[in-house]
Protein backbone atom coordinates (compact mmCIF):
# COMPACT_ATOMS: atom_id res chain seq x y z
CA MET A 1 118.88 134.23 46.83
CA GLY A 2 116.97 130.98 47.28
CA ARG A 3 113.84 129.62 45.73
CA THR A 4 111.62 131.01 48.47
CA ARG A 5 107.93 130.87 47.61
CA HIS A 6 105.10 132.47 49.49
CA SER A 7 101.73 130.77 49.25
CA SER A 8 98.32 132.30 49.81
CA ARG A 9 94.66 131.46 49.85
CA VAL A 10 93.73 132.87 46.46
CA VAL A 11 90.23 134.38 46.43
CA THR A 12 90.40 136.54 43.29
CA GLU A 13 88.94 134.91 40.19
CA TYR A 14 90.89 135.39 36.97
CA VAL A 15 88.65 134.41 34.08
CA LEU A 16 91.59 133.72 31.76
CA SER A 17 93.19 131.19 34.09
CA ARG A 18 95.58 128.77 32.37
CA PHE A 19 94.01 125.81 34.16
CA GLU A 20 91.19 125.63 31.61
CA ALA A 21 93.17 126.13 28.38
CA GLU A 22 96.88 125.64 28.91
CA GLU A 23 98.20 125.79 25.35
CA LEU A 24 95.81 128.47 24.12
CA GLU A 25 96.60 130.70 27.09
CA ARG A 26 100.33 130.18 26.70
CA GLU A 27 100.10 131.32 23.06
CA ARG A 28 98.02 134.35 24.08
CA LEU A 29 100.59 135.31 26.72
CA GLU A 30 103.45 134.95 24.24
CA LEU A 31 101.73 137.31 21.81
CA LEU A 32 101.08 139.84 24.57
CA GLU A 33 104.71 139.62 25.68
CA ARG A 34 105.95 140.21 22.14
CA PHE A 35 104.15 143.55 22.06
CA HIS A 36 104.50 144.66 25.68
CA ASP A 37 108.08 143.66 26.56
CA PRO A 38 109.55 146.58 24.54
CA LEU A 39 107.13 148.90 26.32
CA SER A 40 108.25 147.68 29.74
CA THR A 41 111.85 148.10 28.58
CA ARG A 42 111.07 151.68 27.58
CA LEU A 43 109.79 152.38 31.10
CA PHE A 44 112.81 150.69 32.71
CA ASP A 45 115.16 152.76 30.52
CA THR A 46 113.42 156.02 31.37
CA ILE A 47 113.33 155.29 35.10
CA GLY A 48 116.93 154.11 35.09
CA VAL A 49 116.57 150.60 36.51
CA THR A 50 120.07 149.25 36.96
CA GLN A 51 122.42 146.97 38.89
CA GLY A 52 121.53 146.40 42.53
CA TRP A 53 117.88 147.49 42.36
CA ARG A 54 115.21 145.60 44.29
CA CYS A 55 112.22 145.09 42.00
CA LEU A 56 108.69 143.76 42.33
CA ASP A 57 106.98 142.33 39.23
CA ILE A 58 103.25 141.95 39.97
CA GLY A 59 101.13 139.56 37.93
CA ALA A 60 104.22 138.42 36.09
CA GLY A 61 102.45 135.76 34.00
CA ALA A 62 104.96 133.73 32.02
CA GLY A 63 107.88 135.78 33.35
CA SER A 64 109.18 137.76 30.39
CA SER A 65 109.25 141.05 32.31
CA THR A 66 110.81 139.26 35.29
CA ARG A 67 113.64 138.09 33.03
CA LEU A 68 114.12 141.64 31.72
CA LEU A 69 114.39 142.98 35.26
CA ALA A 70 116.70 140.19 36.43
CA GLU A 71 119.12 140.95 33.58
CA ARG A 72 119.20 144.61 34.63
CA VAL A 73 119.61 144.24 38.39
CA GLY A 74 122.22 141.50 38.16
CA GLU A 75 123.59 139.45 41.02
CA THR A 76 123.59 142.41 43.39
CA GLY A 77 119.88 143.11 42.89
CA SER A 78 116.69 141.13 43.31
CA VAL A 79 113.33 140.56 41.65
CA VAL A 80 110.19 139.27 43.33
CA ALA A 81 107.73 137.92 40.74
CA THR A 82 104.13 137.37 41.82
CA ASP A 83 101.04 135.82 40.27
CA LEU A 84 97.89 133.91 41.17
CA ASP A 85 99.27 130.99 39.14
CA THR A 86 103.05 130.64 39.37
CA ARG A 87 103.58 127.51 37.28
CA LEU A 88 105.23 129.39 34.43
CA LEU A 89 107.29 131.51 36.82
CA GLU A 90 108.71 128.77 39.01
CA PRO A 91 111.54 127.83 36.58
CA LEU A 92 112.90 131.39 37.06
CA ALA A 93 113.22 131.07 40.85
CA GLY A 94 116.76 131.10 42.18
CA ASP A 95 119.77 133.40 41.97
CA CYS A 96 118.23 136.90 42.14
CA VAL A 97 114.59 135.89 41.54
CA GLU A 98 111.94 134.93 44.10
CA VAL A 99 108.51 133.69 43.03
CA TRP A 100 105.48 134.35 45.22
CA ARG A 101 102.01 132.96 44.76
CA HIS A 102 100.16 136.13 45.65
CA ASP A 103 96.68 137.61 45.38
CA LEU A 104 97.02 141.39 45.04
CA VAL A 105 93.51 141.95 46.38
CA VAL A 106 93.94 140.20 49.74
CA ASP A 107 97.61 139.42 50.36
CA PRO A 108 99.88 142.03 51.97
CA LEU A 109 102.98 143.45 50.33
CA PRO A 110 106.03 144.44 52.35
CA GLU A 111 106.24 148.16 53.13
CA ALA A 112 108.91 150.30 51.44
CA ALA A 113 110.83 147.19 50.32
CA PHE A 114 111.47 147.87 46.63
CA ASP A 115 113.09 150.43 44.37
CA LEU A 116 110.60 149.64 41.60
CA ALA A 117 107.19 148.00 41.32
CA HIS A 118 106.16 146.98 37.80
CA VAL A 119 102.56 145.99 37.06
CA ARG A 120 101.43 145.21 33.52
CA LEU A 121 97.87 144.47 32.37
CA VAL A 122 96.81 143.56 35.91
CA LEU A 123 94.91 146.43 37.50
CA MET A 124 92.13 146.30 34.91
CA HIS A 125 91.28 142.83 36.23
CA VAL A 126 91.09 143.45 39.98
CA GLN A 127 88.49 144.93 42.25
CA SER A 128 89.27 148.09 44.25
CA ARG A 129 91.87 149.16 41.69
CA LEU A 130 92.77 152.40 43.43
CA GLU A 131 93.34 150.59 46.72
CA ALA A 132 95.44 147.95 44.95
CA LEU A 133 97.51 150.71 43.36
CA ARG A 134 97.88 152.40 46.74
CA ARG A 135 99.28 149.17 48.23
CA ILE A 136 101.68 148.80 45.31
CA VAL A 137 102.94 152.35 45.86
CA SER A 138 103.41 151.62 49.58
CA SER A 139 105.62 148.66 48.69
CA VAL A 140 108.26 150.92 47.13
CA ARG A 141 110.65 152.99 49.21
CA PRO A 142 110.26 156.76 49.46
CA GLY A 143 111.72 158.04 46.19
CA GLY A 144 111.07 154.69 44.51
CA TRP A 145 109.13 154.16 41.30
CA VAL A 146 106.00 152.47 40.03
CA ALA A 147 105.77 151.50 36.35
CA VAL A 148 102.30 150.59 35.12
CA ILE A 149 101.02 149.42 31.74
CA ASP A 150 97.30 149.01 31.17
CA ALA A 151 94.81 149.23 28.34
CA ASP A 152 91.53 150.71 27.13
CA PHE A 153 89.48 148.17 25.16
CA THR A 154 86.50 150.41 24.45
CA ASP A 155 87.61 151.56 20.99
CA ILE A 156 88.67 148.25 19.42
CA ARG A 157 87.63 148.20 15.76
CA VAL A 158 87.87 145.87 12.78
CA PHE A 159 87.54 147.13 9.21
CA PRO A 160 85.42 146.21 7.40
CA ALA A 161 83.11 145.38 10.30
CA THR A 162 79.98 143.26 10.02
CA PRO A 163 76.82 143.43 12.14
CA ALA A 164 77.81 140.06 13.63
CA SER A 165 81.30 141.25 14.60
CA GLU A 166 79.86 144.42 16.14
CA ARG A 167 77.45 142.32 18.22
CA THR A 168 80.39 140.18 19.32
CA TRP A 169 82.47 143.14 20.49
CA SER A 170 79.49 144.47 22.42
CA ALA A 171 79.04 141.09 24.09
CA PHE A 172 82.78 140.96 24.79
CA LEU A 173 82.63 144.27 26.68
CA ASP A 174 79.56 143.16 28.60
CA ALA A 175 81.25 139.87 29.48
CA ILE A 176 84.43 141.41 30.83
CA VAL A 177 82.49 143.99 32.85
CA ALA A 178 80.41 141.16 34.32
CA ALA A 179 83.66 139.36 35.19
CA GLY A 180 84.88 142.39 37.14
CA TRP A 181 87.22 143.98 34.57
CA ASP A 182 87.32 147.66 33.83
CA PRO A 183 87.74 147.70 30.03
CA SER A 184 88.67 151.41 30.07
CA TYR A 185 91.04 151.40 33.03
CA GLY A 186 94.01 152.51 30.95
CA ALA A 187 92.20 155.79 30.26
CA ARG A 188 91.94 156.67 33.95
CA LEU A 189 95.27 155.31 35.18
CA TYR A 190 96.95 158.74 35.11
CA ARG A 191 94.23 160.24 37.29
CA ASN A 192 94.57 157.40 39.77
CA LEU A 193 98.29 158.10 40.07
CA GLU A 194 97.54 161.80 40.57
CA SER A 195 95.01 161.01 43.29
CA LEU A 196 97.72 159.22 45.28
CA GLU A 197 99.79 162.43 45.25
CA LEU A 198 102.79 160.89 43.56
CA GLU A 199 105.57 162.85 41.90
CA ASP A 200 107.09 162.93 38.41
CA ILE A 201 104.00 161.35 36.87
CA GLU A 202 104.18 160.81 33.13
CA ALA A 203 102.08 158.75 30.75
CA GLU A 204 102.12 157.80 27.09
CA TYR A 205 99.10 156.60 25.12
CA LEU A 206 99.87 154.25 22.24
CA VAL A 207 97.38 153.63 19.45
CA SER A 208 98.05 150.84 16.98
CA GLU A 209 96.08 150.28 13.78
CA GLY A 210 96.98 148.21 10.75
CA PHE A 211 96.45 144.91 9.00
CA ALA A 212 95.59 142.01 11.25
CA GLY A 213 98.67 140.46 12.85
CA ASP A 214 99.88 139.43 16.29
CA ARG A 215 97.64 141.85 18.18
CA ALA A 216 94.59 140.73 16.24
CA ARG A 217 95.56 137.12 16.93
CA ALA A 218 95.82 137.89 20.66
CA ALA A 219 92.36 139.48 20.51
CA ALA A 220 91.00 136.40 18.74
CA LEU A 221 92.42 134.12 21.43
CA THR A 222 90.87 136.33 24.11
CA LEU A 223 87.47 136.09 22.40
CA GLU A 224 87.81 132.31 22.23
CA ARG A 225 88.72 132.12 25.91
CA LEU A 226 85.65 134.22 26.79
CA ARG A 227 83.20 132.47 24.47
CA THR A 228 81.20 130.95 27.34
CA ARG A 229 81.13 134.27 29.18
CA MET A 230 79.83 135.95 26.03
CA HIS A 231 77.13 133.30 25.69
CA GLU A 232 75.91 134.44 29.11
CA GLN A 233 75.55 137.95 27.65
CA GLY A 234 73.45 136.67 24.73
CA ALA A 235 76.22 136.22 22.12
CA ARG A 236 75.71 133.54 19.48
CA ASP A 237 78.42 131.19 18.27
CA GLN A 238 77.91 132.20 14.65
CA ASP A 239 78.53 135.85 15.56
CA ILE A 240 81.68 134.99 17.53
CA ASP A 241 82.92 132.83 14.65
CA ASP A 242 82.37 135.74 12.25
CA ALA A 243 84.43 138.03 14.47
CA LEU A 244 87.20 135.42 14.69
CA ARG A 245 87.22 135.01 10.91
CA LEU A 246 87.77 138.75 10.47
CA LEU A 247 90.58 138.82 13.05
CA GLU A 248 92.37 135.98 11.28
CA ASP A 249 91.99 137.50 7.79
CA PRO A 250 95.25 139.26 6.79
CA GLU A 251 93.22 141.76 4.74
CA THR A 252 91.32 142.95 7.83
CA ARG A 253 92.45 146.17 9.43
CA PHE A 254 92.49 146.11 13.22
CA ARG A 255 92.54 148.95 15.74
CA ALA A 256 94.06 147.50 18.90
CA PRO A 257 93.34 148.56 22.47
CA VAL A 258 94.89 151.89 23.46
CA THR A 259 97.87 151.11 25.68
CA THR A 260 98.87 153.40 28.54
CA LEU A 261 102.46 153.46 29.79
CA ALA A 262 102.75 155.33 33.07
CA ARG A 263 105.45 155.94 35.62
CA ALA A 264 105.46 157.83 38.91
CA ARG A 265 107.70 158.30 41.93
CA ARG A 266 106.74 157.93 45.57
CA PRO A 267 107.54 161.19 47.39
CA GLN A 268 110.61 161.20 49.60
CA ARG A 269 108.27 162.17 52.41
CA ASP A 270 104.67 161.05 52.34
CA ARG A 271 102.17 163.87 52.78
CA PRO A 272 100.25 163.94 56.04
């Protein structure tokens, strides 16, 4: 398969775009991949993704999940990797991988073209999430699968907390809501899948709490990326700096976002 790329007029704003902080965002993505790649692998194992499958990887970021899928489907299968910014994906194009510059909100997806659609930490960021999920489901063949990972940020905690860090987390939630995120989308993902009348729906909810480490570092990088947005919600630099200090202290205990792993199958025959 060639290095075909589809371009689009991107209209969706992604507030963590790499264009403004290349190295910081690359580090943040690497930390997220380190935690989430095994979770995607768990979904692929359970679903049974194997040689010859046609897969869609939506919002593929730096491409770690695309690589996992490409290894599974082999030369007889294919993977289409999409993102608003494809610079980190383009080196993967070729052989069984296509890279599309694609805006999930406005750009069409082919109908019934894939055996699996994988979407990780994307739906929380887009508007009209249920409609976006409906379009993703329509892109898989009857009997095909969707695998979705998303998160609930509303119960993040650091111990011991300070008044300044609590003010920062409140400003963080306000900032991401103002930017169009749903910080609790992971908690309602299962119900969205049910509302689309899919089959074989299952979800796991993973809670992680312990001494500050990679997940706390990823949270710290996210706070840094959103500092200006938090200023707009009334946050002060000294409060943000206090929260960052706690996240970088190995003695701090950190309760990470609750992660939802969900899978569901498109019915063999769509209901009327």
